[in-house]
Protein backbone atom coordinates (compact mmCIF):
# COMPACT_ATOMS: atom_id res chain seq x y z
CA MET A 1 152.06 -130.33 145.05
CA SER A 2 148.84 -127.79 144.94
CA ALA A 3 148.27 -125.19 142.24
CA ASP A 4 147.95 -122.47 144.74
CA ALA A 5 149.94 -119.80 144.65
CA PRO A 6 153.54 -120.05 146.48
CA LYS A 7 153.22 -118.30 150.13
CA GLU A 8 154.66 -115.17 150.18
CA LYS A 9 157.63 -115.02 152.82
CA THR A 10 157.51 -111.90 155.55
CA ASP A 11 159.33 -108.93 154.76
CA TRP A 12 160.68 -108.62 158.00
CA ARG A 13 163.27 -106.07 157.36
CA ARG A 14 160.09 -103.37 156.03
CA ILE A 15 157.99 -104.39 159.11
CA GLY A 16 161.07 -103.20 161.63
CA LEU A 17 161.41 -100.12 159.37
CA ILE A 18 157.92 -99.15 159.76
CA ALA A 19 158.11 -99.81 163.48
CA ALA A 20 161.15 -97.81 163.96
CA VAL A 21 159.68 -94.70 162.00
CA THR A 22 156.22 -94.60 163.85
CA LEU A 23 157.43 -95.37 167.69
CA VAL A 24 160.80 -94.14 167.74
CA PRO A 25 159.53 -90.32 167.31
CA GLY A 26 156.75 -91.12 170.04
CA GLY A 27 159.76 -92.35 172.32
CA PHE A 28 161.69 -88.82 171.72
CA LEU A 29 158.49 -87.18 172.80
CA LEU A 30 158.02 -89.14 175.65
CA GLY A 31 161.17 -89.10 177.24
CA ALA A 32 161.28 -84.91 176.73
CA ALA A 33 158.12 -84.81 178.53
CA LEU A 34 159.57 -86.74 181.47
CA ALA A 35 162.71 -84.97 181.76
CA MET A 36 160.80 -81.63 181.27
CA ARG A 37 158.83 -82.91 184.48
CA ARG A 38 161.51 -84.24 186.44
CA MET A 39 163.57 -80.61 185.68
CA GLN A 40 160.39 -78.44 186.79
CA ALA A 41 160.17 -80.61 189.86
CA LYS A 42 163.78 -80.13 190.98
CA ALA A 43 163.50 -76.47 190.13
CA GLU A 44 160.42 -76.30 192.50
CA GLU A 45 162.13 -78.35 194.93
CA GLU A 46 165.33 -76.00 195.02
CA GLN A 47 163.17 -72.95 194.94
CA ALA A 48 161.28 -73.99 198.28
CA GLU A 49 164.51 -74.75 200.16
CA VAL A 50 166.23 -71.14 199.25
CA PRO A 51 164.99 -68.96 201.79
CA PRO A 52 163.61 -65.17 200.27
CA PRO A 53 166.32 -62.60 200.82
CA ASP A 54 166.43 -60.28 203.76
CA LYS A 55 165.16 -56.73 203.08
CA VAL A 56 167.65 -54.26 204.38
């Protein structure tokens, strides 16, 4: 046996928590941005299909 200090084990729970705290908000923002783009494109498509009302 060597006189070196014992190797510290990796704390996967802490790594997982840090990853979740840093990555999840970015995922929410990305999802919201993609949903907004899709809704805008759908609204523009529907607006293009509707003919303007006739003037009386």
